[in-house]
């Protein structure tokens, strides 16, 4: 399985452009407890508290969490 799109973190102040680093707003994966995966934002620290059996599941959860936060931000604005 593969993830077609990775959502940027809600902590960034603008959408990534060609002038930004390719890592701007992107989450990082880390291996925890053997072969379990966790995903987190290196800028704000959001995420990282759940472990998943694969990178795909970790990134799928990240995308779901970020879309929910972005939708919430739109509702509150």
N, C-alpha and C. Protein backbone atom coordinates (compact mmCIF):
# COMPACT_ATOMS: atom_id res chain seq x y z
N UNK A 1 0.84 -1.18 0.00
CA UNK A 1 0.00 0.00 0.00
C UNK A 1 0.88 1.24 0.00
N UNK A 2 0.34 2.31 -0.56
CA UNK A 2 1.08 3.57 -0.52
C UNK A 2 0.11 4.73 -0.32
N UNK A 3 0.62 5.78 0.26
CA UNK A 3 -0.16 6.98 0.49
C UNK A 3 0.10 7.91 -0.70
N UNK A 4 -0.97 8.35 -1.36
CA UNK A 4 -0.83 9.20 -2.54
C UNK A 4 -0.55 10.66 -2.19
N UNK A 5 -1.02 11.11 -1.04
CA UNK A 5 -0.87 12.51 -0.65
C UNK A 5 -0.63 12.57 0.86
N UNK A 6 0.31 13.40 1.28
CA UNK A 6 0.56 13.60 2.70
C UNK A 6 0.18 15.04 3.04
N UNK A 7 -0.72 15.20 3.98
CA UNK A 7 -1.16 16.53 4.40
C UNK A 7 -0.05 17.22 5.19
N UNK A 8 0.07 18.52 4.97
CA UNK A 8 1.01 19.31 5.78
C UNK A 8 0.38 19.58 7.14
N UNK A 9 1.20 19.91 8.10
CA UNK A 9 0.72 20.18 9.46
C UNK A 9 -0.01 21.51 9.50
N UNK A 10 -0.97 21.63 10.39
CA UNK A 10 -1.72 22.87 10.54
C UNK A 10 -0.89 23.99 11.18
N UNK A 11 0.28 23.68 11.69
CA UNK A 11 1.10 24.70 12.35
C UNK A 11 1.81 25.62 11.38
N UNK A 12 1.88 25.27 10.09
CA UNK A 12 2.60 26.13 9.14
C UNK A 12 1.78 27.39 8.85
N UNK A 13 2.46 28.48 8.56
CA UNK A 13 1.77 29.76 8.40
C UNK A 13 1.37 30.07 6.96
N UNK A 14 1.84 29.28 5.99
CA UNK A 14 1.42 29.45 4.60
C UNK A 14 1.57 28.13 3.85
N UNK A 15 0.87 28.01 2.75
CA UNK A 15 1.00 26.81 1.93
C UNK A 15 2.42 26.75 1.36
N UNK A 16 3.00 25.56 1.28
CA UNK A 16 4.36 25.44 0.74
C UNK A 16 4.45 25.95 -0.70
N UNK A 17 5.53 26.65 -0.99
CA UNK A 17 5.80 27.16 -2.35
C UNK A 17 7.15 26.63 -2.80
N UNK A 18 7.54 26.99 -3.99
CA UNK A 18 8.84 26.56 -4.53
C UNK A 18 9.99 27.15 -3.71
N UNK A 19 9.77 28.26 -3.03
CA UNK A 19 10.82 28.88 -2.23
C UNK A 19 11.07 28.15 -0.91
N UNK A 20 10.13 27.30 -0.48
CA UNK A 20 10.28 26.58 0.78
C UNK A 20 11.04 25.27 0.58
N UNK A 21 11.54 24.75 1.66
CA UNK A 21 12.18 23.44 1.65
C UNK A 21 11.11 22.38 1.35
N UNK A 22 11.53 21.27 0.76
CA UNK A 22 10.58 20.19 0.48
C UNK A 22 10.05 19.57 1.77
N UNK A 23 10.71 19.82 2.89
CA UNK A 23 10.30 19.27 4.18
C UNK A 23 9.38 20.21 4.96
N UNK A 24 9.11 21.40 4.43
CA UNK A 24 8.33 22.41 5.15
C UNK A 24 6.91 21.88 5.43
N UNK A 25 6.58 21.76 6.71
CA UNK A 25 5.25 21.31 7.11
C UNK A 25 5.02 19.81 7.03
N UNK A 26 6.02 19.07 6.61
CA UNK A 26 5.86 17.62 6.45
C UNK A 26 6.14 16.88 7.75
N UNK A 27 5.38 15.83 8.01
CA UNK A 27 5.61 15.05 9.23
C UNK A 27 6.83 14.14 9.07
N UNK A 28 7.31 13.63 10.19
CA UNK A 28 8.41 12.66 10.19
C UNK A 28 7.91 11.36 10.78
N UNK A 29 8.41 10.26 10.25
CA UNK A 29 8.11 8.94 10.78
C UNK A 29 9.25 8.50 11.68
N UNK A 30 8.91 7.83 12.77
CA UNK A 30 9.95 7.25 13.61
C UNK A 30 9.52 5.86 14.02
N UNK A 31 10.51 4.99 14.19
CA UNK A 31 10.25 3.62 14.63
C UNK A 31 10.21 3.61 16.14
N UNK A 32 9.17 3.01 16.70
CA UNK A 32 9.05 2.89 18.15
C UNK A 32 8.82 1.43 18.51
N UNK A 33 9.28 1.03 19.64
CA UNK A 33 9.04 -0.31 20.18
C UNK A 33 9.20 -1.41 19.12
N UNK A 34 10.38 -1.50 18.54
CA UNK A 34 10.61 -2.56 17.56
C UNK A 34 10.17 -2.14 16.18
N UNK A 35 9.09 -2.71 15.69
CA UNK A 35 8.63 -2.42 14.34
C UNK A 35 7.33 -1.63 14.30
N UNK A 36 7.04 -0.82 15.28
CA UNK A 36 5.85 0.02 15.24
C UNK A 36 6.27 1.43 14.82
N UNK A 37 5.35 2.12 14.16
CA UNK A 37 5.65 3.42 13.58
C UNK A 37 4.81 4.51 14.21
N UNK A 38 5.42 5.67 14.33
CA UNK A 38 4.74 6.84 14.86
C UNK A 38 5.06 8.01 13.94
N UNK A 39 4.11 8.93 13.76
CA UNK A 39 4.31 10.08 12.90
C UNK A 39 4.07 11.35 13.72
N UNK A 40 4.93 12.37 13.50
CA UNK A 40 4.83 13.60 14.27
C UNK A 40 5.35 14.77 13.45
N UNK A 41 4.99 15.98 13.86
CA UNK A 41 5.49 17.20 13.21
C UNK A 41 6.75 17.65 13.95
N UNK A 42 7.86 17.82 13.25
CA UNK A 42 9.08 18.26 13.92
C UNK A 42 9.04 19.74 14.34
N UNK A 43 8.12 20.51 13.76
CA UNK A 43 8.01 21.94 14.10
C UNK A 43 7.27 22.16 15.42
N UNK A 44 6.08 21.56 15.54
CA UNK A 44 5.25 21.83 16.72
C UNK A 44 5.11 20.62 17.66
N UNK A 45 5.52 19.45 17.19
CA UNK A 45 5.43 18.25 18.03
C UNK A 45 4.09 17.55 17.99
N UNK A 46 3.16 18.04 17.17
CA UNK A 46 1.82 17.43 17.08
C UNK A 46 1.95 16.00 16.56
N UNK A 47 1.18 15.10 17.14
CA UNK A 47 1.22 13.69 16.76
C UNK A 47 2.22 12.94 17.62
N UNK A 48 2.55 11.74 17.23
CA UNK A 48 3.57 10.96 17.92
C UNK A 48 3.10 10.18 19.13
N UNK A 49 1.82 10.26 19.49
CA UNK A 49 1.39 9.56 20.69
C UNK A 49 0.73 8.21 20.39
N UNK A 50 0.52 7.89 19.12
CA UNK A 50 -0.05 6.59 18.75
C UNK A 50 0.96 5.82 17.93
N UNK A 51 1.01 4.51 18.14
CA UNK A 51 1.90 3.64 17.37
C UNK A 51 1.07 2.79 16.42
N UNK A 52 1.61 2.57 15.23
CA UNK A 52 0.91 1.80 14.20
C UNK A 52 1.80 0.69 13.68
N UNK A 53 1.19 -0.34 13.13
CA UNK A 53 1.92 -1.51 12.64
C UNK A 53 2.67 -1.25 11.34
N UNK A 54 2.29 -0.18 10.61
CA UNK A 54 2.96 0.11 9.34
C UNK A 54 3.06 1.61 9.13
N UNK A 55 3.95 1.99 8.20
CA UNK A 55 4.08 3.40 7.85
C UNK A 55 2.78 3.89 7.21
N UNK A 56 2.16 3.05 6.39
CA UNK A 56 0.91 3.43 5.72
C UNK A 56 -0.17 3.81 6.73
N UNK A 57 -0.37 2.98 7.75
CA UNK A 57 -1.40 3.27 8.74
C UNK A 57 -1.09 4.54 9.53
N UNK A 58 0.19 4.76 9.82
CA UNK A 58 0.58 5.97 10.55
C UNK A 58 0.29 7.22 9.71
N UNK A 59 0.65 7.19 8.42
CA UNK A 59 0.41 8.35 7.57
C UNK A 59 -1.07 8.53 7.26
N UNK A 60 -1.82 7.45 7.14
CA UNK A 60 -3.26 7.56 6.92
C UNK A 60 -3.92 8.24 8.12
N UNK A 61 -3.50 7.89 9.33
CA UNK A 61 -4.03 8.53 10.53
C UNK A 61 -3.62 10.01 10.58
N UNK A 62 -2.38 10.30 10.21
CA UNK A 62 -1.91 11.68 10.17
C UNK A 62 -2.79 12.51 9.23
N UNK A 63 -3.04 11.99 8.03
CA UNK A 63 -3.87 12.72 7.06
C UNK A 63 -5.27 12.97 7.61
N UNK A 64 -5.84 11.95 8.24
CA UNK A 64 -7.18 12.08 8.82
C UNK A 64 -7.19 13.15 9.92
N UNK A 65 -6.17 13.13 10.77
CA UNK A 65 -6.09 14.11 11.86
C UNK A 65 -5.92 15.53 11.32
N UNK A 66 -5.05 15.72 10.34
CA UNK A 66 -4.80 17.06 9.80
C UNK A 66 -6.02 17.60 9.06
N UNK A 67 -6.71 16.75 8.29
CA UNK A 67 -7.92 17.20 7.60
C UNK A 67 -9.01 17.60 8.60
N UNK A 68 -9.13 16.84 9.68
CA UNK A 68 -10.09 17.18 10.73
C UNK A 68 -9.77 18.51 11.38
N UNK A 69 -8.48 18.76 11.65
CA UNK A 69 -8.07 20.03 12.26
C UNK A 69 -8.28 21.20 11.30
N UNK A 70 -7.99 20.99 10.01
CA UNK A 70 -8.18 22.05 9.02
C UNK A 70 -9.66 22.37 8.86
N UNK A 71 -10.51 21.34 8.84
CA UNK A 71 -11.96 21.56 8.75
C UNK A 71 -12.48 22.28 9.99
N UNK A 72 -11.96 21.93 11.15
CA UNK A 72 -12.36 22.60 12.39
C UNK A 72 -11.95 24.06 12.36
N UNK A 73 -10.76 24.34 11.85
CA UNK A 73 -10.27 25.71 11.74
C UNK A 73 -11.17 26.52 10.80
N UNK A 74 -11.61 25.90 9.70
CA UNK A 74 -12.52 26.58 8.77
C UNK A 74 -13.87 26.86 9.43
N UNK A 75 -14.35 25.94 10.22
CA UNK A 75 -15.64 26.11 10.89
C UNK A 75 -15.56 27.23 11.93
N UNK A 76 -14.46 27.29 12.67
CA UNK A 76 -14.32 28.29 13.72
C UNK A 76 -14.01 29.69 13.17
N UNK A 77 -13.52 29.77 11.95
CA UNK A 77 -13.18 31.08 11.36
C UNK A 77 -14.39 31.83 10.87
